[in-house]
Amino acid sequence: MDVDIRELETKEAYKLMTGSVIPRPIAWVSTANANGGFNLAPFSFFTVASRKPPMLCISIGPGVGEREGTVKDTLVNIREKQEFCINIVSSELGNPMQKSSENVGSDVDEFQLAGLKTAPSKKIDTPRIKEAPIAFELKLHQILELGTDHLIIGEIIHYHIKEDYYLGNYKVDIEKLKPLGRFAGGRYSELTELFTLPK
């Protein structure tokens, strides 16, 4: 089958992309709003954007379901506060992560909804997830409008890793971390085996 993906409906094109670009890492993004409330949401359009300065990026689409046509709280908060945290999802945090993705009102604190605790950040006001093995504190660098979505690029200004997940020499224990990867729909992957390919 050959497809000119530009001629498809958005939902159809999305299914092909998210079923093919796999597994995708998950950015569990915590933000704070102008009233001092907190928001937490996972995004699987996520990767490294720059080595120097160190930057990460996430892509945020428009609201869906009952909130179709609205802007997601994460984007609103990042625009207002110019900062955010990206927390890494280990496999044992899968259920709270999924809970925090529920489509709820802006007044709902997803930390409480998912049964998670906040931990203070070092250089920004936005809290990170206390239970997360790794967290990045980011200052907003740029927001690019790309079609219906927004590509958010943040500069990493502080990094947190729990000692159990640190091997020394700036290396992460990936086998212990067991990060979740996102597939299509509600399916996820867990790291079960590592191997090296010859160069």
C-alpha atoms as a PDB file:
ATOM      1  CA  MET A   1       0.000   0.000   0.000  1.00  0.00           C
ATOM      2  CA  ASP A   2       1.205   3.481  -0.873  1.00  0.00           C
ATOM      3  CA  VAL A   3      -0.422   6.543   0.674  1.00  0.00           C
ATOM      4  CA  ASP A   4      -0.181  10.279   0.138  1.00  0.00           C
ATOM      5  CA  ILE A   5      -0.605  10.959   3.837  1.00  0.00           C
ATOM      6  CA  ARG A   6      -1.452  14.596   3.161  1.00  0.00           C
ATOM      7  CA  GLU A   7      -4.751  13.523   1.601  1.00  0.00           C
ATOM      8  CA  LEU A   8      -5.901  11.598   4.691  1.00  0.00           C
ATOM      9  CA  GLU A   9      -8.061  12.833   7.530  1.00  0.00           C
ATOM     10  CA  THR A  10      -6.009  13.964  10.522  1.00  0.00           C
ATOM     11  CA  LYS A  11      -7.065  10.964  12.623  1.00  0.00           C
ATOM     12  CA  GLU A  12      -6.109   8.515   9.884  1.00  0.00           C
ATOM     13  CA  ALA A  13      -2.686  10.089   9.347  1.00  0.00           C
ATOM     14  CA  TYR A  14      -2.114  10.163  13.114  1.00  0.00           C
ATOM     15  CA  LYS A  15      -2.793   6.423  13.360  1.00  0.00           C
ATOM     16  CA  LEU A  16      -0.225   5.630  10.673  1.00  0.00           C
ATOM     17  CA  MET A  17       2.412   7.901  12.232  1.00  0.00           C
ATOM     18  CA  THR A  18       1.954   6.719  15.821  1.00  0.00           C
ATOM     19  CA  GLY A  19       1.830   3.089  14.721  1.00  0.00           C
ATOM     20  CA  SER A  20       5.093   3.469  12.809  1.00  0.00           C
ATOM     21  CA  VAL A  21       7.257   5.854  14.862  1.00  0.00           C
ATOM     22  CA  ILE A  22       7.665   3.486  17.812  1.00  0.00           C
ATOM     23  CA  PRO A  23       8.398   3.122  20.611  1.00  0.00           C
ATOM     24  CA  ARG A  24       8.254   6.778  21.617  1.00  0.00           C
ATOM     25  CA  PRO A  25       9.660   8.026  24.942  1.00  0.00           C
ATOM     26  CA  ILE A  26       7.200   9.742  27.248  1.00  0.00           C
ATOM     27  CA  ALA A  27       7.689  13.219  28.673  1.00  0.00           C
ATOM     28  CA  TRP A  28       5.642  13.456  31.866  1.00  0.00           C
ATOM     29  CA  VAL A  29       5.319  17.219  32.018  1.00  0.00           C
ATOM     30  CA  SER A  30       4.608  19.129  35.199  1.00  0.00           C
ATOM     31  CA  THR A  31       3.654  22.791  35.042  1.00  0.00           C
ATOM     32  CA  ALA A  32       2.303  25.486  37.339  1.00  0.00           C
ATOM     33  CA  ASN A  33      -0.433  27.954  36.476  1.00  0.00           C
ATOM     34  CA  ALA A  34      -0.687  31.652  37.257  1.00  0.00           C
ATOM     35  CA  ASN A  35      -2.851  30.932  40.322  1.00  0.00           C
ATOM     36  CA  GLY A  36      -0.323  28.592  41.916  1.00  0.00           C
ATOM     37  CA  GLY A  37      -2.057  25.360  40.910  1.00  0.00           C
ATOM     38  CA  PHE A  38      -0.261  22.417  39.331  1.00  0.00           C
ATOM     39  CA  ASN A  39      -0.822  20.399  36.176  1.00  0.00           C
ATOM     40  CA  LEU A  40       0.613  17.063  35.083  1.00  0.00           C
ATOM     41  CA  ALA A  41       0.280  15.402  31.664  1.00  0.00           C
ATOM     42  CA  PRO A  42       2.195  12.859  29.538  1.00  0.00           C
ATOM     43  CA  PHE A  43       3.301  13.544  25.947  1.00  0.00           C
ATOM     44  CA  SER A  44       4.881  10.982  23.629  1.00  0.00           C
ATOM     45  CA  PHE A  45       5.986  13.416  20.927  1.00  0.00           C
ATOM     46  CA  PHE A  46       9.237  14.005  22.820  1.00  0.00           C
ATOM     47  CA  THR A  47      12.978  14.006  22.137  1.00  0.00           C
ATOM     48  CA  VAL A  48      16.335  15.761  22.550  1.00  0.00           C
ATOM     49  CA  ALA A  49      16.501  19.009  20.573  1.00  0.00           C
ATOM     50  CA  SER A  50      20.073  20.247  21.170  1.00  0.00           C
ATOM     51  CA  ARG A  51      23.289  19.104  22.816  1.00  0.00           C
ATOM     52  CA  LYS A  52      24.760  22.548  23.512  1.00  0.00           C
ATOM     53  CA  PRO A  53      23.004  24.203  25.095  1.00  0.00           C
ATOM     54  CA  PRO A  54      21.169  21.071  26.276  1.00  0.00           C
ATOM     55  CA  MET A  55      17.542  21.244  25.130  1.00  0.00           C
ATOM     56  CA  LEU A  56      14.522  18.961  25.014  1.00  0.00           C
ATOM     57  CA  CYS A  57      11.361  19.359  22.961  1.00  0.00           C
ATOM     58  CA  ILE A  58       7.774  18.192  23.149  1.00  0.00           C
ATOM     59  CA  SER A  59       4.922  18.606  20.699  1.00  0.00           C
ATOM     60  CA  ILE A  60       1.498  19.476  22.082  1.00  0.00           C
ATOM     61  CA  GLY A  61      -1.650  19.067  20.006  1.00  0.00           C
ATOM     62  CA  PRO A  62      -5.053  20.674  20.501  1.00  0.00           C
ATOM     63  CA  GLY A  63      -7.575  19.523  23.089  1.00  0.00           C
ATOM     64  CA  VAL A  64      -9.613  16.426  22.284  1.00  0.00           C
ATOM     65  CA  GLY A  65     -12.978  14.948  23.302  1.00  0.00           C
ATOM     66  CA  GLU A  66     -15.030  17.300  25.419  1.00  0.00           C
ATOM     67  CA  ARG A  67     -12.226  19.864  25.236  1.00  0.00           C
ATOM     68  CA  GLU A  68     -11.897  19.789  21.441  1.00  0.00           C
ATOM     69  CA  GLY A  69     -10.984  23.181  20.048  1.00  0.00           C
ATOM     70  CA  THR A  70      -9.318  24.298  23.289  1.00  0.00           C
ATOM     71  CA  VAL A  71      -5.655  24.753  24.187  1.00  0.00           C
ATOM     72  CA  LYS A  72      -4.187  22.199  26.569  1.00  0.00           C
ATOM     73  CA  ASP A  73      -3.369  23.400  30.096  1.00  0.00           C
ATOM     74  CA  THR A  74       0.289  22.403  29.713  1.00  0.00           C
ATOM     75  CA  LEU A  75       0.741  24.796  26.794  1.00  0.00           C
ATOM     76  CA  VAL A  76      -1.138  27.600  28.565  1.00  0.00           C
ATOM     77  CA  ASN A  77       0.996  27.190  31.699  1.00  0.00           C
ATOM     78  CA  ILE A  78       4.310  27.059  29.817  1.00  0.00           C
ATOM     79  CA  ARG A  79       3.397  30.221  27.943  1.00  0.00           C
ATOM     80  CA  GLU A  80       2.512  31.999  31.191  1.00  0.00           C
ATOM     81  CA  LYS A  81       5.356  30.784  33.418  1.00  0.00           C
ATOM     82  CA  GLN A  82       8.070  30.260  30.776  1.00  0.00           C
ATOM     83  CA  GLU A  83       9.203  27.077  32.546  1.00  0.00           C
ATOM     84  CA  PHE A  84       8.309  23.402  33.019  1.00  0.00           C
ATOM     85  CA  CYS A  85       9.613  20.048  34.238  1.00  0.00           C
ATOM     86  CA  ILE A  86       9.934  16.862  32.227  1.00  0.00           C
ATOM     87  CA  ASN A  87       9.791  13.739  34.379  1.00  0.00           C
ATOM     88  CA  ILE A  88      10.808  10.323  33.033  1.00  0.00           C
ATOM     89  CA  VAL A  89       8.281   7.492  33.368  1.00  0.00           C
ATOM     90  CA  SER A  90       9.602   4.193  34.707  1.00  0.00           C
ATOM     91  CA  SER A  91       7.452   1.096  34.208  1.00  0.00           C
ATOM     92  CA  GLU A  92       6.180   1.029  37.801  1.00  0.00           C
ATOM     93  CA  LEU A  93       4.764   4.539  37.327  1.00  0.00           C
ATOM     94  CA  GLY A  94       2.675   3.515  34.317  1.00  0.00           C
ATOM     95  CA  ASN A  95      -0.679   3.504  36.095  1.00  0.00           C
ATOM     96  CA  PRO A  96      -0.278   6.955  37.709  1.00  0.00           C
ATOM     97  CA  MET A  97       0.973   8.293  34.378  1.00  0.00           C
ATOM     98  CA  GLN A  98      -2.115   6.970  32.623  1.00  0.00           C
ATOM     99  CA  LYS A  99      -4.354   8.417  35.358  1.00  0.00           C
ATOM    100  CA  SER A 100      -2.786  11.851  34.897  1.00  0.00           C
ATOM    101  CA  SER A 101      -3.674  11.763  31.186  1.00  0.00           C
ATOM    102  CA  GLU A 102      -7.419  11.841  31.888  1.00  0.00           C
ATOM    103  CA  ASN A 103      -9.374  14.674  30.299  1.00  0.00           C
ATOM    104  CA  VAL A 104     -10.261  16.770  33.364  1.00  0.00           C
ATOM    105  CA  GLY A 105     -10.896  20.437  34.052  1.00  0.00           C
ATOM    106  CA  SER A 106      -8.194  23.050  34.483  1.00  0.00           C
ATOM    107  CA  ASP A 107      -8.960  23.271  38.197  1.00  0.00           C
ATOM    108  CA  VAL A 108      -8.012  19.616  38.816  1.00  0.00           C
ATOM    109  CA  ASP A 109      -4.556  18.889  40.243  1.00  0.00           C
ATOM    110  CA  GLU A 110      -3.345  15.774  38.408  1.00  0.00           C
ATOM    111  CA  PHE A 111      -0.698  15.158  41.074  1.00  0.00           C
ATOM    112  CA  GLN A 112      -3.526  14.506  43.538  1.00  0.00           C
ATOM    113  CA  LEU A 113      -5.632  12.709  40.931  1.00  0.00           C
ATOM    114  CA  ALA A 114      -2.802  10.238  40.252  1.00  0.00           C
ATOM    115  CA  GLY A 115      -1.819   9.857  43.921  1.00  0.00           C
ATOM    116  CA  LEU A 116       1.612  11.445  43.425  1.00  0.00           C
ATOM    117  CA  LYS A 117       3.693  13.809  45.516  1.00  0.00           C
ATOM    118  CA  THR A 118       5.429  16.979  44.397  1.00  0.00           C
ATOM    119  CA  ALA A 119       9.109  17.670  45.017  1.00  0.00           C
ATOM    120  CA  PRO A 120      10.576  21.176  44.848  1.00  0.00           C
ATOM    121  CA  SER A 121      12.759  22.102  41.928  1.00  0.00           C
ATOM    122  CA  LYS A 122      16.100  23.842  42.434  1.00  0.00           C
ATOM    123  CA  LYS A 123      15.942  26.670  39.904  1.00  0.00           C
ATOM    124  CA  ILE A 124      12.292  27.065  38.903  1.00  0.00           C
ATOM    125  CA  ASP A 125       8.978  27.361  40.742  1.00  0.00           C
ATOM    126  CA  THR A 126       7.372  24.389  38.991  1.00  0.00           C
ATOM    127  CA  PRO A 127       7.544  21.165  41.047  1.00  0.00           C
ATOM    128  CA  ARG A 128       8.733  17.822  39.747  1.00  0.00           C
ATOM    129  CA  ILE A 129       7.283  14.391  40.539  1.00  0.00           C
ATOM    130  CA  LYS A 130       8.829  13.058  43.733  1.00  0.00           C
ATOM    131  CA  GLU A 131       8.376   9.433  42.656  1.00  0.00           C
ATOM    132  CA  ALA A 132      10.001   9.924  39.216  1.00  0.00           C
ATOM    133  CA  PRO A 133      13.524   8.492  38.911  1.00  0.00           C
ATOM    134  CA  ILE A 134      14.692  11.340  36.627  1.00  0.00           C
ATOM    135  CA  ALA A 135      13.513  14.915  36.146  1.00  0.00           C
ATOM    136  CA  PHE A 136      14.639  17.879  34.064  1.00  0.00           C
ATOM    137  CA  GLU A 137      14.022  21.504  34.984  1.00  0.00           C
ATOM    138  CA  LEU A 138      13.568  23.598  31.845  1.00  0.00           C
ATOM    139  CA  LYS A 139      13.271  27.232  30.904  1.00  0.00           C
ATOM    140  CA  LEU A 140      11.234  27.923  27.785  1.00  0.00           C
ATOM    141  CA  HIS A 141      13.430  28.658  24.763  1.00  0.00           C
ATOM    142  CA  GLN A 142      10.895  28.792  21.956  1.00  0.00           C
ATOM    143  CA  ILE A 143       7.402  27.743  20.891  1.00  0.00           C
ATOM    144  CA  LEU A 144       6.917  26.969  17.209  1.00  0.00           C
ATOM    145  CA  GLU A 145       3.455  26.638  15.697  1.00  0.00           C
ATOM    146  CA  LEU A 146       3.496  23.643  13.350  1.00  0.00           C
ATOM    147  CA  GLY A 147       0.094  23.139  11.742  1.00  0.00           C
ATOM    148  CA  THR A 148      -2.368  22.230  14.492  1.00  0.00           C
ATOM    149  CA  ASP A 149       0.408  21.540  17.016  1.00  0.00           C
ATOM    150  CA  HIS A 150       2.965  23.483  19.042  1.00  0.00           C
ATOM    151  CA  LEU A 151       6.600  22.410  19.295  1.00  0.00           C
ATOM    152  CA  ILE A 152       7.918  23.506  22.674  1.00  0.00           C
ATOM    153  CA  ILE A 153      11.686  23.722  23.061  1.00  0.00           C
ATOM    154  CA  GLY A 154      13.093  24.083  26.560  1.00  0.00           C
ATOM    155  CA  GLU A 155      16.647  24.569  27.787  1.00  0.00           C
ATOM    156  CA  ILE A 156      17.643  22.208  30.593  1.00  0.00           C
ATOM    157  CA  ILE A 157      18.848  24.234  33.562  1.00  0.00           C
ATOM    158  CA  HIS A 158      18.910  21.468  36.190  1.00  0.00           C
ATOM    159  CA  TYR A 159      18.871  17.660  36.239  1.00  0.00           C
ATOM    160  CA  HIS A 160      17.700  15.268  38.963  1.00  0.00           C
ATOM    161  CA  ILE A 161      18.381  11.533  39.179  1.00  0.00           C
ATOM    162  CA  LYS A 162      17.798   9.203  42.109  1.00  0.00           C
ATOM    163  CA  GLU A 163      21.003   7.543  43.258  1.00  0.00           C
ATOM    164  CA  ASP A 164      19.634   4.042  42.596  1.00  0.00           C
ATOM    165  CA  TYR A 165      19.467   4.857  38.882  1.00  0.00           C
ATOM    166  CA  TYR A 166      22.935   6.417  38.544  1.00  0.00           C
ATOM    167  CA  LEU A 167      25.874   4.232  37.514  1.00  0.00           C
ATOM    168  CA  GLY A 168      28.523   6.916  37.881  1.00  0.00           C
ATOM    169  CA  ASN A 169      30.552   8.598  35.143  1.00  0.00           C
ATOM    170  CA  TYR A 170      27.366  10.386  33.953  1.00  0.00           C
ATOM    171  CA  LYS A 171      25.636   7.150  32.951  1.00  0.00           C
ATOM    172  CA  VAL A 172      22.043   6.125  33.707  1.00  0.00           C
ATOM    173  CA  ASP A 173      21.177   2.544  34.711  1.00  0.00           C
ATOM    174  CA  ILE A 174      18.742   1.945  31.855  1.00  0.00           C
ATOM    175  CA  GLU A 175      17.998  -1.649  32.888  1.00  0.00           C
ATOM    176  CA  LYS A 176      16.904  -0.498  36.341  1.00  0.00           C
ATOM    177  CA  LEU A 177      15.045   2.508  34.941  1.00  0.00           C
ATOM    178  CA  LYS A 178      12.889   0.372  32.618  1.00  0.00           C
ATOM    179  CA  PRO A 179      11.413   3.403  30.861  1.00  0.00           C
ATOM    180  CA  LEU A 180       7.989   3.098  29.308  1.00  0.00           C
ATOM    181  CA  GLY A 181       7.644   3.574  25.565  1.00  0.00           C
ATOM    182  CA  ARG A 182       4.431   4.546  23.805  1.00  0.00           C
ATOM    183  CA  PHE A 183       2.950   2.612  20.899  1.00  0.00           C
ATOM    184  CA  ALA A 184      -0.367   3.258  19.177  1.00  0.00           C
ATOM    185  CA  GLY A 185      -3.591   3.579  21.148  1.00  0.00           C
ATOM    186  CA  GLY A 186      -3.287   2.531  24.788  1.00  0.00           C
ATOM    187  CA  ARG A 187      -0.340   0.200  24.223  1.00  0.00           C
ATOM    188  CA  TYR A 188       3.058   0.667  25.833  1.00  0.00           C
ATOM    189  CA  SER A 189       6.405  -1.116  25.886  1.00  0.00           C
ATOM    190  CA  GLU A 190       8.742  -1.894  28.756  1.00  0.00           C
ATOM    191  CA  LEU A 191      12.476  -2.360  28.397  1.00  0.00           C
ATOM    192  CA  THR A 192      13.100  -6.100  28.778  1.00  0.00           C
ATOM    193  CA  GLU A 193      16.321  -6.742  26.865  1.00  0.00           C
ATOM    194  CA  LEU A 194      19.376  -4.765  25.808  1.00  0.00           C
ATOM    195  CA  PHE A 195      21.859  -5.778  23.141  1.00  0.00           C
ATOM    196  CA  THR A 196      24.718  -4.173  21.246  1.00  0.00           C
ATOM    197  CA  LEU A 197      25.103  -4.128  17.488  1.00  0.00           C
ATOM    198  CA  PRO A 198      28.640  -4.117  16.043  1.00  0.00           C
ATOM    199  CA  LYS A 199      29.768  -0.798  14.576  1.00  0.00           C
END
